[in-house]
C-alpha atoms as a PDB file:
ATOM      1  CA  MET A   1      -0.166   0.088  -0.269  1.00  0.00           C
ATOM      2  CA  VAL A   2       1.534   3.454  -1.087  1.00  0.00           C
ATOM      3  CA  PHE A   3       0.766   6.105   1.345  1.00  0.00           C
ATOM      4  CA  SER A   4       2.351   8.777  -0.108  1.00  0.00           C
ATOM      5  CA  THR A   5       4.886   9.312  -3.253  1.00  0.00           C
ATOM      6  CA  MET A   6       7.678  11.961  -3.897  1.00  0.00           C
ATOM      7  CA  TYR A   7      10.398  12.904  -6.001  1.00  0.00           C
ATOM      8  CA  THR A   8      13.837  12.154  -4.844  1.00  0.00           C
ATOM      9  CA  ARG A   9      16.994  10.491  -6.612  1.00  0.00           C
ATOM     10  CA  ASP A  10      16.874   7.369  -5.020  1.00  0.00           C
ATOM     11  CA  ALA A  11      14.920   5.563  -1.979  1.00  0.00           C
ATOM     12  CA  LYS A  12      17.603   7.022   0.327  1.00  0.00           C
ATOM     13  CA  GLY A  13      16.712  10.521  -0.522  1.00  0.00           C
ATOM     14  CA  ALA A  14      13.317   9.893   0.381  1.00  0.00           C
ATOM     15  CA  ILE A  15      14.399  10.027   4.044  1.00  0.00           C
ATOM     16  CA  TYR A  16      16.084  13.337   3.590  1.00  0.00           C
ATOM     17  CA  ARG A  17      13.253  14.693   1.792  1.00  0.00           C
ATOM     18  CA  LEU A  18      11.013  13.662   4.629  1.00  0.00           C
ATOM     19  CA  LEU A  19      13.466  15.527   7.235  1.00  0.00           C
ATOM     20  CA  GLU A  20      13.266  18.771   4.805  1.00  0.00           C
ATOM     21  CA  PHE A  21       9.280  18.556   5.488  1.00  0.00           C
ATOM     22  CA  ASP A  22      10.076  18.694   9.048  1.00  0.00           C
ATOM     23  CA  VAL A  23       8.974  15.146   9.814  1.00  0.00           C
ATOM     24  CA  SER A  24      11.203  14.293  12.842  1.00  0.00           C
ATOM     25  CA  LEU A  25      13.530  11.056  12.781  1.00  0.00           C
ATOM     26  CA  SER A  26      11.433   9.509  15.505  1.00  0.00           C
ATOM     27  CA  GLU A  27       8.279   9.620  13.277  1.00  0.00           C
ATOM     28  CA  ILE A  28      10.073   8.326  10.552  1.00  0.00           C
ATOM     29  CA  GLU A  29      11.458   5.530  12.614  1.00  0.00           C
ATOM     30  CA  GLN A  30       8.288   4.703  13.902  1.00  0.00           C
ATOM     31  CA  THR A  31       6.242   4.768  11.135  1.00  0.00           C
ATOM     32  CA  LEU A  32       8.219   3.886   7.955  1.00  0.00           C
ATOM     33  CA  ILE A  33       8.444   0.335   6.948  1.00  0.00           C
ATOM     34  CA  ALA A  34       9.811   0.831   3.613  1.00  0.00           C
ATOM     35  CA  VAL A  35      10.794   3.248   0.750  1.00  0.00           C
ATOM     36  CA  SER A  36      10.772   2.254  -3.062  1.00  0.00           C
ATOM     37  CA  ALA A  37      12.377   4.115  -5.569  1.00  0.00           C
ATOM     38  CA  GLN A  38      11.582   3.396  -9.623  1.00  0.00           C
ATOM     39  CA  ARG A  39      12.203   4.042 -12.945  1.00  0.00           C
ATOM     40  CA  LEU A  40      10.359   3.312 -16.306  1.00  0.00           C
ATOM     41  CA  VAL A  41      12.934   2.133 -18.784  1.00  0.00           C
ATOM     42  CA  GLN A  42      12.274   0.716 -22.359  1.00  0.00           C
ATOM     43  CA  LEU A  43      13.597  -2.484 -23.296  1.00  0.00           C
ATOM     44  CA  LYS A  44      15.576  -2.907 -26.056  1.00  0.00           C
ATOM     45  CA  CYS A  45      13.758  -4.747 -28.957  1.00  0.00           C
ATOM     46  CA  PRO A  46      14.350  -8.178 -29.685  1.00  0.00           C
ATOM     47  CA  PHE A  47      14.126  -7.328 -33.468  1.00  0.00           C
ATOM     48  CA  CYS A  48      16.463  -4.612 -34.075  1.00  0.00           C
ATOM     49  CA  GLU A  49      19.083  -2.442 -32.178  1.00  0.00           C
ATOM     50  CA  GLY A  50      18.693   0.984 -33.161  1.00  0.00           C
ATOM     51  CA  GLU A  51      15.302   2.085 -34.570  1.00  0.00           C
ATOM     52  CA  CYS A  52      12.577   0.020 -35.045  1.00  0.00           C
ATOM     53  CA  PRO A  53      11.093  -0.599 -38.326  1.00  0.00           C
ATOM     54  CA  THR A  54       7.537  -0.350 -39.401  1.00  0.00           C
ATOM     55  CA  TYR A  55       6.290  -3.736 -37.947  1.00  0.00           C
ATOM     56  CA  CYS A  56       7.817  -3.017 -34.534  1.00  0.00           C
ATOM     57  CA  LYS A  57       6.098   0.162 -33.961  1.00  0.00           C
ATOM     58  CA  LYS A  58       2.864  -1.424 -32.364  1.00  0.00           C
ATOM     59  CA  LEU A  59       5.119  -3.120 -29.583  1.00  0.00           C
ATOM     60  CA  ARG A  60       6.991  -0.135 -28.729  1.00  0.00           C
ATOM     61  CA  ARG A  61       4.520   0.877 -25.510  1.00  0.00           C
ATOM     62  CA  LYS A  62       4.504  -3.017 -24.188  1.00  0.00           C
ATOM     63  CA  ARG A  63       8.109  -2.813 -24.186  1.00  0.00           C
ATOM     64  CA  ARG A  64       8.610  -0.796 -21.123  1.00  0.00           C
ATOM     65  CA  LEU A  65       9.768  -1.948 -17.720  1.00  0.00           C
ATOM     66  CA  SER A  66      10.053  -0.891 -14.295  1.00  0.00           C
ATOM     67  CA  VAL A  67      13.231  -0.682 -12.401  1.00  0.00           C
ATOM     68  CA  TYR A  68      13.139  -0.766  -8.479  1.00  0.00           C
ATOM     69  CA  GLU A  69      15.338  -0.126  -5.295  1.00  0.00           C
ATOM     70  CA  LEU A  70      13.514  -1.222  -2.006  1.00  0.00           C
ATOM     71  CA  LEU A  71      15.046  -0.043   0.964  1.00  0.00           C
ATOM     72  CA  PHE A  72      13.698  -1.840   3.939  1.00  0.00           C
ATOM     73  CA  GLY A  73      14.757  -3.572   7.610  1.00  0.00           C
ATOM     74  CA  LYS A  74      18.376  -3.105   8.598  1.00  0.00           C
ATOM     75  CA  ASN A  75      19.167  -1.188   5.729  1.00  0.00           C
ATOM     76  CA  LEU A  76      16.736   1.379   6.080  1.00  0.00           C
ATOM     77  CA  ALA A  77      17.336   1.551   9.815  1.00  0.00           C
ATOM     78  CA  ALA A  78      21.062   2.312   8.845  1.00  0.00           C
ATOM     79  CA  VAL A  79      20.115   5.072   6.353  1.00  0.00           C
ATOM     80  CA  VAL A  80      17.978   6.796   9.156  1.00  0.00           C
ATOM     81  CA  LYS A  81      21.130   6.217  11.820  1.00  0.00           C
ATOM     82  CA  GLU A  82      23.140   8.095   8.450  1.00  0.00           C
ATOM     83  CA  ALA A  83      20.570  10.905   8.658  1.00  0.00           C
ATOM     84  CA  GLU A  84      20.869  11.424  12.367  1.00  0.00           C
ATOM     85  CA  GLY A  85      24.762  11.883  11.969  1.00  0.00           C
ATOM     86  CA  GLU A  86      25.879   8.489  13.120  1.00  0.00           C
ATOM     87  CA  ALA A  87      28.112   6.358  10.707  1.00  0.00           C
ATOM     88  CA  ALA A  88      26.138   3.337   9.763  1.00  0.00           C
ATOM     89  CA  ALA A  89      26.903   0.520   6.991  1.00  0.00           C
ATOM     90  CA  TYR A  90      24.340  -0.897   4.402  1.00  0.00           C
ATOM     91  CA  SER A  91      24.242  -2.201   1.041  1.00  0.00           C
ATOM     92  CA  TYR A  92      21.407  -2.869  -1.060  1.00  0.00           C
ATOM     93  CA  PRO A  93      20.960  -2.867  -4.764  1.00  0.00           C
ATOM     94  CA  MET A  94      20.534   0.518  -5.838  1.00  0.00           C
ATOM     95  CA  LEU A  95      18.820   1.703  -8.989  1.00  0.00           C
ATOM     96  CA  LYS A  96      22.085   2.317 -10.982  1.00  0.00           C
ATOM     97  CA  ASP A  97      23.101  -1.238 -10.114  1.00  0.00           C
ATOM     98  CA  VAL A  98      20.072  -2.796 -11.558  1.00  0.00           C
ATOM     99  CA  ILE A  99      20.150  -0.609 -14.666  1.00  0.00           C
ATOM    100  CA  LYS A 100      23.438  -1.418 -15.316  1.00  0.00           C
ATOM    101  CA  LYS A 101      22.949  -5.224 -15.135  1.00  0.00           C
ATOM    102  CA  GLY A 102      19.835  -4.718 -17.131  1.00  0.00           C
ATOM    103  CA  ILE A 103      22.229  -3.332 -19.914  1.00  0.00           C
ATOM    104  CA  ALA A 104      25.003  -6.010 -19.313  1.00  0.00           C
ATOM    105  CA  LEU A 105      22.345  -8.449 -20.003  1.00  0.00           C
ATOM    106  CA  GLY A 106      21.385  -6.984 -23.177  1.00  0.00           C
ATOM    107  CA  TYR A 107      17.857  -5.711 -22.095  1.00  0.00           C
ATOM    108  CA  LEU A 108      18.434  -2.275 -21.998  1.00  0.00           C
ATOM    109  CA  TYR A 109      19.602   0.332 -24.069  1.00  0.00           C
ATOM    110  CA  PRO A 110      23.192   1.638 -23.084  1.00  0.00           C
ATOM    111  CA  ASN A 111      21.736   5.275 -23.044  1.00  0.00           C
ATOM    112  CA  SER A 112      19.270   4.079 -20.170  1.00  0.00           C
ATOM    113  CA  TYR A 113      22.191   4.447 -17.609  1.00  0.00           C
ATOM    114  CA  ASP A 114      22.848   8.391 -18.471  1.00  0.00           C
ATOM    115  CA  ARG A 115      19.195   8.906 -19.106  1.00  0.00           C
ATOM    116  CA  TRP A 116      18.107   7.660 -15.516  1.00  0.00           C
ATOM    117  CA  VAL A 117      20.743   7.656 -12.917  1.00  0.00           C
ATOM    118  CA  PHE A 118      21.796  10.942 -11.455  1.00  0.00           C
ATOM    119  CA  HIS A 119      25.507  11.168 -11.163  1.00  0.00           C
ATOM    120  CA  TYR A 120      26.909  11.529  -7.930  1.00  0.00           C
ATOM    121  CA  GLU A 121      30.331  13.535  -7.233  1.00  0.00           C
ATOM    122  CA  ASP A 122      32.085  11.178  -5.114  1.00  0.00           C
END
């Protein structure tokens, strides 16, 4: 059940966005069960590599896929601790990793990464 939607770069960003909305960390810890970030990407055409020929035009709308990043459990608790200012370790499949995997397996177009993943300065 979705109780709210908001625009963020990733699931972790939703915690910080809630803090911007003046939701206290204790309320976030007590009520938040999971956070999901999603992107709608276009699947690579099985018949052609670039522009689809005429016979593929009708299939264009059916070749879309949702890619999700789900933050829950221990990883969610670690991100909340990080928002509090504590050092916390967490590891979960992020959108950029899932999109990279889809490109490597040949399901997504290579430009999907640049289009949907925001580049952070590390």
